[in-house]
Amino acid sequence: TVIGGMSGLSGAIVGGYLLGALTVGMQLLLPQGLLDYRDAFTF
């Protein structure tokens, strides 16, 4: 919600999809040794 913008519902939807894309991207692209730090990179 904060990423997309608190001003409306459209921002929440955009923020949700962006956060999902980032999370999956980190899961697929990070080396095995850095997967434990996926959330840190995402944040």
PDB file of all heavy atoms in Angstrom:
ATOM      1  N   THR A   1       0.821  -1.202   0.000  1.00  0.00           N
ATOM      2  CA  THR A   1       0.000   0.000   0.000  1.00  0.00           C
ATOM      3  C   THR A   1       0.860   1.258   0.000  1.00  0.00           C
ATOM      4  O   THR A   1       0.572   2.220  -0.720  1.00  0.00           O
ATOM      5  CB  THR A   1      -0.937   0.015   1.222  1.00  0.00           C
ATOM      6  OG1 THR A   1      -1.711  -1.188   1.240  1.00  0.00           O
ATOM      7  CG2 THR A   1      -1.883   1.194   1.168  1.00  0.00           C
ATOM      8  N   VAL A   2       1.918   1.253   0.777  1.00  0.00           N
ATOM      9  CA  VAL A   2       2.811   2.409   0.833  1.00  0.00           C
ATOM     10  C   VAL A   2       3.545   2.597  -0.492  1.00  0.00           C
ATOM     11  O   VAL A   2       3.713   3.706  -0.987  1.00  0.00           O
ATOM     12  CB  VAL A   2       3.809   2.257   1.998  1.00  0.00           C
ATOM     13  CG1 VAL A   2       4.864   3.356   1.941  1.00  0.00           C
ATOM     14  CG2 VAL A   2       3.071   2.315   3.328  1.00  0.00           C
ATOM     15  N   ILE A   3       3.997   1.492  -1.101  1.00  0.00           N
ATOM     16  CA  ILE A   3       4.687   1.579  -2.385  1.00  0.00           C
ATOM     17  C   ILE A   3       3.780   2.182  -3.449  1.00  0.00           C
ATOM     18  O   ILE A   3       4.157   3.095  -4.183  1.00  0.00           O
ATOM     19  CB  ILE A   3       5.166   0.190  -2.864  1.00  0.00           C
ATOM     20  CG1 ILE A   3       6.260  -0.350  -1.971  1.00  0.00           C
ATOM     21  CG2 ILE A   3       5.704   0.276  -4.295  1.00  0.00           C
ATOM     22  CD1 ILE A   3       6.664  -1.765  -2.333  1.00  0.00           C
ATOM     23  N   GLY A   4       2.567   1.641  -3.547  1.00  0.00           N
ATOM     24  CA  GLY A   4       1.655   2.104  -4.583  1.00  0.00           C
ATOM     25  C   GLY A   4       1.127   3.492  -4.322  1.00  0.00           C
ATOM     26  O   GLY A   4       0.844   4.234  -5.267  1.00  0.00           O
ATOM     27  N   GLY A   5       0.984   3.860  -3.066  1.00  0.00           N
ATOM     28  CA  GLY A   5       0.427   5.156  -2.714  1.00  0.00           C
ATOM     29  C   GLY A   5      -0.846   4.985  -1.914  1.00  0.00           C
ATOM     30  O   GLY A   5      -1.728   4.222  -2.294  1.00  0.00           O
ATOM     31  N   MET A   6      -0.931   5.704  -0.815  1.00  0.00           N
ATOM     32  CA  MET A   6      -2.082   5.587   0.072  1.00  0.00           C
ATOM     33  C   MET A   6      -3.277   6.393  -0.420  1.00  0.00           C
ATOM     34  O   MET A   6      -4.309   6.422   0.225  1.00  0.00           O
ATOM     35  CB  MET A   6      -1.697   6.066   1.479  1.00  0.00           C
ATOM     36  CG  MET A   6      -0.516   5.352   2.090  1.00  0.00           C
ATOM     37  SD  MET A   6      -0.882   3.655   2.580  1.00  0.00           S
ATOM     38  CE  MET A   6      -1.783   3.934   4.111  1.00  0.00           C
ATOM     39  N   SER A   7      -3.137   7.062  -1.577  1.00  0.00           N
ATOM     40  CA  SER A   7      -4.175   7.985  -2.027  1.00  0.00           C
ATOM     41  C   SER A   7      -5.385   7.293  -2.639  1.00  0.00           C
ATOM     42  O   SER A   7      -6.410   7.914  -2.851  1.00  0.00           O
ATOM     43  CB  SER A   7      -3.582   8.965  -3.051  1.00  0.00           C
ATOM     44  OG  SER A   7      -3.076   8.267  -4.165  1.00  0.00           O
ATOM     45  N   GLY A   8      -5.274   6.024  -2.987  1.00  0.00           N
ATOM     46  CA  GLY A   8      -6.407   5.362  -3.610  1.00  0.00           C
ATOM     47  C   GLY A   8      -6.185   3.873  -3.734  1.00  0.00           C
ATOM     48  O   GLY A   8      -5.121   3.353  -3.414  1.00  0.00           O
ATOM     49  N   LEU A   9      -7.197   3.190  -4.243  1.00  0.00           N
ATOM     50  CA  LEU A   9      -7.125   1.747  -4.358  1.00  0.00           C
ATOM     51  C   LEU A   9      -6.234   1.299  -5.518  1.00  0.00           C
ATOM     52  O   LEU A   9      -5.665   0.209  -5.468  1.00  0.00           O
ATOM     53  CB  LEU A   9      -8.531   1.169  -4.534  1.00  0.00           C
ATOM     54  CG  LEU A   9      -9.539   1.515  -3.423  1.00  0.00           C
ATOM     55  CD1 LEU A   9     -10.826   0.752  -3.627  1.00  0.00           C
ATOM     56  CD2 LEU A   9      -8.961   1.227  -2.058  1.00  0.00           C
ATOM     57  N   SER A  10      -6.129   2.106  -6.544  1.00  0.00           N
ATOM     58  CA  SER A  10      -5.263   1.746  -7.667  1.00  0.00           C
ATOM     59  C   SER A  10      -3.824   1.573  -7.216  1.00  0.00           C
ATOM     60  O   SER A  10      -3.116   0.671  -7.666  1.00  0.00           O
ATOM     61  CB  SER A  10      -5.335   2.824  -8.755  1.00  0.00           C
ATOM     62  OG  SER A  10      -6.636   2.929  -9.278  1.00  0.00           O
ATOM     63  N   GLY A  11      -3.383   2.448  -6.315  1.00  0.00           N
ATOM     64  CA  GLY A  11      -2.014   2.362  -5.811  1.00  0.00           C
ATOM     65  C   GLY A  11      -1.766   1.062  -5.077  1.00  0.00           C
ATOM     66  O   GLY A  11      -0.688   0.465  -5.198  1.00  0.00           O
ATOM     67  N   ALA A  12      -2.765   0.595  -4.321  1.00  0.00           N
ATOM     68  CA  ALA A  12      -2.611  -0.665  -3.587  1.00  0.00           C
ATOM     69  C   ALA A  12      -2.434  -1.828  -4.555  1.00  0.00           C
ATOM     70  O   ALA A  12      -1.604  -2.722  -4.324  1.00  0.00           O
ATOM     71  CB  ALA A  12      -3.829  -0.903  -2.696  1.00  0.00           C
ATOM     72  N   ILE A  13      -3.193  -1.829  -5.638  1.00  0.00           N
ATOM     73  CA  ILE A  13      -3.091  -2.906  -6.622  1.00  0.00           C
ATOM     74  C   ILE A  13      -1.730  -2.884  -7.303  1.00  0.00           C
ATOM     75  O   ILE A  13      -1.060  -3.921  -7.431  1.00  0.00           O
ATOM     76  CB  ILE A  13      -4.218  -2.784  -7.657  1.00  0.00           C
ATOM     77  CG1 ILE A  13      -5.570  -2.950  -6.980  1.00  0.00           C
ATOM     78  CG2 ILE A  13      -4.055  -3.813  -8.764  1.00  0.00           C
ATOM     79  CD1 ILE A  13      -6.759  -2.643  -7.872  1.00  0.00           C
ATOM     80  N   VAL A  14      -1.291  -1.704  -7.737  1.00  0.00           N
ATOM     81  CA  VAL A  14       0.015  -1.578  -8.390  1.00  0.00           C
ATOM     82  C   VAL A  14       1.131  -1.992  -7.436  1.00  0.00           C
ATOM     83  O   VAL A  14       2.057  -2.726  -7.803  1.00  0.00           O
ATOM     84  CB  VAL A  14       0.229  -0.134  -8.882  1.00  0.00           C
ATOM     85  CG1 VAL A  14       1.674   0.068  -9.353  1.00  0.00           C
ATOM     86  CG2 VAL A  14      -0.729   0.195 -10.008  1.00  0.00           C
ATOM     87  N   GLY A  15       1.046  -1.547  -6.183  1.00  0.00           N
ATOM     88  CA  GLY A  15       2.052  -1.905  -5.195  1.00  0.00           C
ATOM     89  C   GLY A  15       2.099  -3.391  -4.937  1.00  0.00           C
ATOM     90  O   GLY A  15       3.178  -3.978  -4.781  1.00  0.00           O
ATOM     91  N   GLY A  16       0.939  -4.042  -4.910  1.00  0.00           N
ATOM     92  CA  GLY A  16       0.897  -5.485  -4.693  1.00  0.00           C
ATOM     93  C   GLY A  16       1.572  -6.251  -5.804  1.00  0.00           C
ATOM     94  O   GLY A  16       2.383  -7.156  -5.554  1.00  0.00           O
ATOM     95  N   TYR A  17       1.261  -5.895  -7.042  1.00  0.00           N
ATOM     96  CA  TYR A  17       1.866  -6.606  -8.173  1.00  0.00           C
ATOM     97  C   TYR A  17       3.362  -6.322  -8.273  1.00  0.00           C
ATOM     98  O   TYR A  17       4.151  -7.214  -8.622  1.00  0.00           O
ATOM     99  CB  TYR A  17       1.162  -6.239  -9.474  1.00  0.00           C
ATOM    100  CG  TYR A  17      -0.102  -7.026  -9.699  1.00  0.00           C
ATOM    101  CD1 TYR A  17      -1.356  -6.442  -9.513  1.00  0.00           C
ATOM    102  CD2 TYR A  17      -0.046  -8.356 -10.081  1.00  0.00           C
ATOM    103  CE1 TYR A  17      -2.516  -7.173  -9.708  1.00  0.00           C
ATOM    104  CE2 TYR A  17      -1.207  -9.098 -10.270  1.00  0.00           C
ATOM    105  CZ  TYR A  17      -2.435  -8.492 -10.080  1.00  0.00           C
ATOM    106  OH  TYR A  17      -3.587  -9.233 -10.265  1.00  0.00           O
ATOM    107  N   LEU A  18       3.761  -5.092  -7.973  1.00  0.00           N
ATOM    108  CA  LEU A  18       5.185  -4.771  -8.016  1.00  0.00           C
ATOM    109  C   LEU A  18       5.947  -5.546  -6.947  1.00  0.00           C
ATOM    110  O   LEU A  18       7.020  -6.111  -7.219  1.00  0.00           O
ATOM    111  CB  LEU A  18       5.393  -3.267  -7.815  1.00  0.00           C
ATOM    112  CG  LEU A  18       6.857  -2.800  -7.752  1.00  0.00           C
ATOM    113  CD1 LEU A  18       7.579  -3.138  -9.052  1.00  0.00           C
ATOM    114  CD2 LEU A  18       6.934  -1.298  -7.475  1.00  0.00           C
ATOM    115  N   LEU A  19       5.395  -5.604  -5.742  1.00  0.00           N
ATOM    116  CA  LEU A  19       6.052  -6.335  -4.662  1.00  0.00           C
ATOM    117  C   LEU A  19       6.112  -7.829  -4.987  1.00  0.00           C
ATOM    118  O   LEU A  19       7.118  -8.495  -4.700  1.00  0.00           O
ATOM    119  CB  LEU A  19       5.312  -6.101  -3.343  1.00  0.00           C
ATOM    120  CG  LEU A  19       5.966  -6.663  -2.078  1.00  0.00           C
ATOM    121  CD1 LEU A  19       7.361  -6.086  -1.890  1.00  0.00           C
ATOM    122  CD2 LEU A  19       5.106  -6.367  -0.855  1.00  0.00           C
ATOM    123  N   GLY A  20       5.068  -8.365  -5.593  1.00  0.00           N
ATOM    124  CA  GLY A  20       5.083  -9.769  -6.000  1.00  0.00           C
ATOM    125  C   GLY A  20       6.154 -10.039  -7.040  1.00  0.00           C
ATOM    126  O   GLY A  20       6.876 -11.042  -6.956  1.00  0.00           O
ATOM    127  N   ALA A  21       6.282  -9.143  -8.020  1.00  0.00           N
ATOM    128  CA  ALA A  21       7.304  -9.305  -9.060  1.00  0.00           C
ATOM    129  C   ALA A  21       8.706  -9.234  -8.464  1.00  0.00           C
ATOM    130  O   ALA A  21       9.600 -10.012  -8.841  1.00  0.00           O
ATOM    131  CB  ALA A  21       7.128  -8.239 -10.133  1.00  0.00           C
ATOM    132  N   LEU A  22       8.907  -8.326  -7.516  1.00  0.00           N
ATOM    133  CA  LEU A  22      10.218  -8.206  -6.869  1.00  0.00           C
ATOM    134  C   LEU A  22      10.553  -9.461  -6.071  1.00  0.00           C
ATOM    135  O   LEU A  22      11.683  -9.972  -6.127  1.00  0.00           O
ATOM    136  CB  LEU A  22      10.231  -6.989  -5.943  1.00  0.00           C
ATOM    137  CG  LEU A  22      10.378  -5.612  -6.592  1.00  0.00           C
ATOM    138  CD1 LEU A  22      10.248  -4.525  -5.539  1.00  0.00           C
ATOM    139  CD2 LEU A  22      11.712  -5.501  -7.311  1.00  0.00           C
ATOM    140  N   THR A  23       9.573  -9.958  -5.326  1.00  0.00           N
ATOM    141  CA  THR A  23       9.805 -11.137  -4.490  1.00  0.00           C
ATOM    142  C   THR A  23      10.174 -12.356  -5.332  1.00  0.00           C
ATOM    143  O   THR A  23      11.134 -13.074  -5.036  1.00  0.00           O
ATOM    144  CB  THR A  23       8.554 -11.438  -3.644  1.00  0.00           C
ATOM    145  OG1 THR A  23       8.226 -10.298  -2.846  1.00  0.00           O
ATOM    146  CG2 THR A  23       8.804 -12.634  -2.735  1.00  0.00           C
ATOM    147  N   VAL A  24       9.404 -12.592  -6.398  1.00  0.00           N
ATOM    148  CA  VAL A  24       9.680 -13.740  -7.272  1.00  0.00           C
ATOM    149  C   VAL A  24      11.004 -13.543  -8.004  1.00  0.00           C
ATOM    150  O   VAL A  24      11.785 -14.493  -8.174  1.00  0.00           O
ATOM    151  CB  VAL A  24       8.531 -13.947  -8.273  1.00  0.00           C
ATOM    152  CG1 VAL A  24       8.876 -15.048  -9.268  1.00  0.00           C
ATOM    153  CG2 VAL A  24       7.250 -14.298  -7.532  1.00  0.00           C
ATOM    154  N   GLY A  25      11.271 -12.315  -8.432  1.00  0.00           N
ATOM    155  CA  GLY A  25      12.526 -12.048  -9.125  1.00  0.00           C
ATOM    156  C   GLY A  25      13.730 -12.332  -8.252  1.00  0.00           C
ATOM    157  O   GLY A  25      14.719 -12.916  -8.717  1.00  0.00           O
ATOM    158  N   MET A  26      13.645 -11.926  -6.991  1.00  0.00           N
ATOM    159  CA  MET A  26      14.746 -12.208  -6.067  1.00  0.00           C
ATOM    160  C   MET A  26      14.916 -13.705  -5.859  1.00  0.00           C
ATOM    161  O   MET A  26      16.035 -14.222  -5.778  1.00  0.00           O
ATOM    162  CB  MET A  26      14.490 -11.525  -4.716  1.00  0.00           C
ATOM    163  CG  MET A  26      14.562 -10.010  -4.766  1.00  0.00           C
ATOM    164  SD  MET A  26      16.218  -9.421  -5.155  1.00  0.00           S
ATOM    165  CE  MET A  26      15.890  -7.668  -5.344  1.00  0.00           C
ATOM    166  N   GLN A  27      13.801 -14.423  -5.791  1.00  0.00           N
ATOM    167  CA  GLN A  27      13.854 -15.866  -5.594  1.00  0.00           C
ATOM    168  C   GLN A  27      14.546 -16.566  -6.762  1.00  0.00           C
ATOM    169  O   GLN A  27      15.309 -17.521  -6.585  1.00  0.00           O
ATOM    170  CB  GLN A  27      12.433 -16.415  -5.434  1.00  0.00           C
ATOM    171  CG  GLN A  27      12.357 -17.918  -5.213  1.00  0.00           C
ATOM    172  CD  GLN A  27      12.845 -18.355  -3.849  1.00  0.00           C
ATOM    173  OE1 GLN A  27      12.654 -17.644  -2.873  1.00  0.00           O
ATOM    174  NE2 GLN A  27      13.482 -19.517  -3.778  1.00  0.00           N
ATOM    175  N   LEU A  28      14.311 -16.073  -7.977  1.00  0.00           N
ATOM    176  CA  LEU A  28      14.858 -16.718  -9.160  1.00  0.00           C
ATOM    177  C   LEU A  28      16.275 -16.270  -9.505  1.00  0.00           C
ATOM    178  O   LEU A  28      17.067 -17.052 -10.047  1.00  0.00           O
ATOM    179  CB  LEU A  28      13.936 -16.463 -10.367  1.00  0.00           C
ATOM    180  CG  LEU A  28      12.541 -17.085 -10.306  1.00  0.00           C
ATOM    181  CD1 LEU A  28      11.717 -16.653 -11.507  1.00  0.00           C
ATOM    182  CD2 LEU A  28      12.623 -18.603 -10.243  1.00  0.00           C
ATOM    183  N   LEU A  29      16.605 -15.021  -9.202  1.00  0.00           N
ATOM    184  CA  LEU A  29      17.853 -14.451  -9.686  1.00  0.00           C
ATOM    185  C   LEU A  29      18.990 -14.467  -8.666  1.00  0.00           C
ATOM    186  O   LEU A  29      20.158 -14.482  -9.053  1.00  0.00           O
ATOM    187  CB  LEU A  29      17.619 -13.005 -10.149  1.00  0.00           C
ATOM    188  CG  LEU A  29      16.631 -12.838 -11.322  1.00  0.00           C
ATOM    189  CD1 LEU A  29      16.416 -11.361 -11.626  1.00  0.00           C
ATOM    190  CD2 LEU A  29      17.130 -13.572 -12.550  1.00  0.00           C
ATOM    191  N   LEU A  30      18.655 -14.456  -7.379  1.00  0.00           N
ATOM    192  CA  LEU A  30      19.719 -14.429  -6.378  1.00  0.00           C
ATOM    193  C   LEU A  30      20.455 -15.765  -6.322  1.00  0.00           C
ATOM    194  O   LEU A  30      19.833 -16.826  -6.471  1.00  0.00           O
ATOM    195  CB  LEU A  30      19.132 -14.124  -4.994  1.00  0.00           C
ATOM    196  CG  LEU A  30      18.740 -12.676  -4.705  1.00  0.00           C
ATOM    197  CD1 LEU A  30      18.134 -12.563  -3.310  1.00  0.00           C
ATOM    198  CD2 LEU A  30      19.939 -11.743  -4.821  1.00  0.00           C
ATOM    199  N   PRO A  31      21.766 -15.743  -6.113  1.00  0.00           N
ATOM    200  CA  PRO A  31      22.511 -16.995  -5.919  1.00  0.00           C
ATOM    201  C   PRO A  31      22.007 -17.735  -4.687  1.00  0.00           C
ATOM    202  O   PRO A  31      21.418 -17.137  -3.776  1.00  0.00           O
ATOM    203  CB  PRO A  31      23.954 -16.510  -5.724  1.00  0.00           C
ATOM    204  CG  PRO A  31      23.997 -15.144  -6.312  1.00  0.00           C
ATOM    205  CD  PRO A  31      22.633 -14.555  -6.105  1.00  0.00           C
ATOM    206  N   GLN A  32      22.227 -19.028  -4.656  1.00  0.00           N
ATOM    207  CA  GLN A  32      21.726 -19.852  -3.568  1.00  0.00           C
ATOM    208  C   GLN A  32      22.184 -19.355  -2.206  1.00  0.00           C
ATOM    209  O   GLN A  32      21.433 -19.378  -1.229  1.00  0.00           O
ATOM    210  CB  GLN A  32      22.185 -21.303  -3.771  1.00  0.00           C
ATOM    211  CG  GLN A  32      21.549 -22.303  -2.806  1.00  0.00           C
ATOM    212  CD  GLN A  32      20.066 -22.472  -3.019  1.00  0.00           C
ATOM    213  OE1 GLN A  32      19.583 -22.375  -4.152  1.00  0.00           O
ATOM    214  NE2 GLN A  32      19.321 -22.728  -1.945  1.00  0.00           N
ATOM    215  N   GLY A  33      23.412 -18.876  -2.135  1.00  0.00           N
ATOM    216  CA  GLY A  33      23.952 -18.416  -0.854  1.00  0.00           C
ATOM    217  C   GLY A  33      23.323 -17.127  -0.344  1.00  0.00           C
ATOM    218  O   GLY A  33      23.487 -16.778   0.830  1.00  0.00           O
ATOM    219  N   LEU A  34      22.611 -16.404  -1.224  1.00  0.00           N
ATOM    220  CA  LEU A  34      22.016 -15.135  -0.817  1.00  0.00           C
ATOM    221  C   LEU A  34      20.500 -15.205  -0.674  1.00  0.00           C
ATOM    222  O   LEU A  34      19.868 -14.195  -0.365  1.00  0.00           O
ATOM    223  CB  LEU A  34      22.366 -14.046  -1.841  1.00  0.00           C
ATOM    224  CG  LEU A  34      23.846 -13.662  -1.954  1.00  0.00           C
ATOM    225  CD1 LEU A  34      24.039 -12.614  -3.038  1.00  0.00           C
ATOM    226  CD2 LEU A  34      24.380 -13.140  -0.616  1.00  0.00           C
ATOM    227  N   LEU A  35      19.924 -16.394  -0.890  1.00  0.00           N
ATOM    228  CA  LEU A  35      18.472 -16.509  -0.822  1.00  0.00           C
ATOM    229  C   LEU A  35      17.918 -16.176   0.561  1.00  0.00           C
ATOM    230  O   LEU A  35      16.799 -15.680   0.688  1.00  0.00           O
ATOM    231  CB  LEU A  35      18.034 -17.921  -1.221  1.00  0.00           C
ATOM    232  CG  LEU A  35      18.015 -18.234  -2.723  1.00  0.00           C
ATOM    233  CD1 LEU A  35      17.572 -19.659  -2.969  1.00  0.00           C
ATOM    234  CD2 LEU A  35      17.104 -17.263  -3.466  1.00  0.00           C
ATOM    235  N   ASP A  36      18.702 -16.455   1.582  1.00  0.00           N
ATOM    236  CA  ASP A  36      18.252 -16.150   2.939  1.00  0.00           C
ATOM    237  C   ASP A  36      18.098 -14.644   3.160  1.00  0.00           C
ATOM    238  O   ASP A  36      17.417 -14.218   4.105  1.00  0.00           O
ATOM    239  CB  ASP A  36      19.228 -16.710   3.972  1.00  0.00           C
ATOM    240  CG  ASP A  36      19.190 -18.235   4.034  1.00  0.00           C
ATOM    241  OD1 ASP A  36      18.180 -18.812   3.581  1.00  0.00           O
ATOM    242  OD2 ASP A  36      20.173 -18.842   4.517  1.00  0.00           O
ATOM    243  N   TYR A  37      18.719 -13.845   2.287  1.00  0.00           N
ATOM    244  CA  TYR A  37      18.661 -12.389   2.421  1.00  0.00           C
ATOM    245  C   TYR A  37      17.718 -11.770   1.394  1.00  0.00           C
ATOM    246  O   TYR A  37      17.777 -10.577   1.125  1.00  0.00           O
ATOM    247  CB  TYR A  37      20.061 -11.793   2.258  1.00  0.00           C
ATOM    248  CG  TYR A  37      21.077 -12.368   3.213  1.00  0.00           C
ATOM    249  CD1 TYR A  37      21.947 -13.377   2.798  1.00  0.00           C
ATOM    250  CD2 TYR A  37      21.143 -11.931   4.531  1.00  0.00           C
ATOM    251  CE1 TYR A  37      22.873 -13.931   3.679  1.00  0.00           C
ATOM    252  CE2 TYR A  37      22.063 -12.475   5.417  1.00  0.00           C
ATOM    253  CZ  TYR A  37      22.926 -13.476   4.981  1.00  0.00           C
ATOM    254  OH  TYR A  37      23.838 -14.017   5.856  1.00  0.00           O
ATOM    255  N   ARG A  38      16.829 -12.607   0.831  1.00  0.00           N
ATOM    256  CA  ARG A  38      15.920 -12.125  -0.212  1.00  0.00           C
ATOM    257  C   ARG A  38      15.065 -10.966   0.283  1.00  0.00           C
ATOM    258  O   ARG A  38      14.917  -9.940  -0.398  1.00  0.00           O
ATOM    259  CB  ARG A  38      15.021 -13.271  -0.673  1.00  0.00           C
ATOM    260  CG  ARG A  38      14.021 -12.882  -1.755  1.00  0.00           C
ATOM    261  CD  ARG A  38      13.028 -14.001  -1.984  1.00  0.00           C
ATOM    262  NE  ARG A  38      12.235 -14.249  -0.781  1.00  0.00           N
ATOM    263  CZ  ARG A  38      11.389 -15.254  -0.654  1.00  0.00           C
ATOM    264  NH1 ARG A  38      11.261 -16.130  -1.630  1.00  0.00           N
ATOM    265  NH2 ARG A  38      10.697 -15.406   0.465  1.00  0.00           N
ATOM    266  N   ASP A  39      14.500 -11.113   1.480  1.00  0.00           N
ATOM    267  CA  ASP A  39      13.637 -10.052   2.011  1.00  0.00           C
ATOM    268  C   ASP A  39      14.411  -8.760   2.213  1.00  0.00           C
ATOM    269  O   ASP A  39      13.878  -7.663   1.976  1.00  0.00           O
ATOM    270  CB  ASP A  39      13.006 -10.492   3.329  1.00  0.00           C
ATOM    271  CG  ASP A  39      11.968 -11.585   3.134  1.00  0.00           C
ATOM    272  OD1 ASP A  39      11.514 -11.774   1.995  1.00  0.00           O
ATOM    273  OD2 ASP A  39      11.640 -12.274   4.120  1.00  0.00           O
ATOM    274  N   ALA A  40      15.670  -8.875   2.636  1.00  0.00           N
ATOM    275  CA  ALA A  40      16.480  -7.680   2.846  1.00  0.00           C
ATOM    276  C   ALA A  40      16.692  -6.933   1.525  1.00  0.00           C
ATOM    277  O   ALA A  40      16.570  -5.703   1.466  1.00  0.00           O
ATOM    278  CB  ALA A  40      17.828  -8.056   3.457  1.00  0.00           C
ATOM    279  N   PHE A  41      16.991  -7.674   0.453  1.00  0.00           N
ATOM    280  CA  PHE A  41      17.155  -7.044  -0.855  1.00  0.00           C
ATOM    281  C   PHE A  41      15.853  -6.422  -1.336  1.00  0.00           C
ATOM    282  O   PHE A  41      15.839  -5.317  -1.890  1.00  0.00           O
ATOM    283  CB  PHE A  41      17.656  -8.074  -1.874  1.00  0.00           C
ATOM    284  CG  PHE A  41      19.106  -8.423  -1.738  1.00  0.00           C
ATOM    285  CD1 PHE A  41      19.504  -9.647  -1.231  1.00  0.00           C
ATOM    286  CD2 PHE A  41      20.087  -7.514  -2.114  1.00  0.00           C
ATOM    287  CE1 PHE A  41      20.838  -9.977  -1.106  1.00  0.00           C
ATOM    288  CE2 PHE A  41      21.438  -7.832  -1.994  1.00  0.00           C
ATOM    289  CZ  PHE A  41      21.815  -9.068  -1.490  1.00  0.00           C
ATOM    290  N   THR A  42      14.746  -7.142  -1.128  1.00  0.00           N
ATOM    291  CA  THR A  42      13.441  -6.621  -1.552  1.00  0.00           C
ATOM    292  C   THR A  42      13.118  -5.320  -0.834  1.00  0.00           C
ATOM    293  O   THR A  42      12.695  -4.333  -1.461  1.00  0.00           O
ATOM    294  CB  THR A  42      12.339  -7.664  -1.279  1.00  0.00           C
ATOM    295  OG1 THR A  42      12.640  -8.871  -1.979  1.00  0.00           O
ATOM    296  CG2 THR A  42      10.984  -7.149  -1.733  1.00  0.00           C
ATOM    297  N   PHE A  43      13.321  -5.290   0.491  1.00  0.00           N
ATOM    298  CA  PHE A  43      13.019  -4.084   1.248  1.00  0.00           C
ATOM    299  C   PHE A  43      13.959  -2.949   0.883  1.00  0.00           C
ATOM    300  O   PHE A  43      13.573  -1.771   0.923  1.00  0.00           O
ATOM    301  CB  PHE A  43      13.100  -4.369   2.746  1.00  0.00           C
ATOM    302  CG  PHE A  43      12.002  -5.276   3.243  1.00  0.00           C
ATOM    303  CD1 PHE A  43      12.208  -6.133   4.301  1.00  0.00           C
ATOM    304  CD2 PHE A  43      10.759  -5.264   2.646  1.00  0.00           C
ATOM    305  CE1 PHE A  43      11.205  -6.970   4.754  1.00  0.00           C
ATOM    306  CE2 PHE A  43       9.741  -6.097   3.079  1.00  0.00           C
ATOM    307  CZ  PHE A  43       9.964  -6.950   4.151  1.00  0.00           C
TER     308      PHE A  43
END
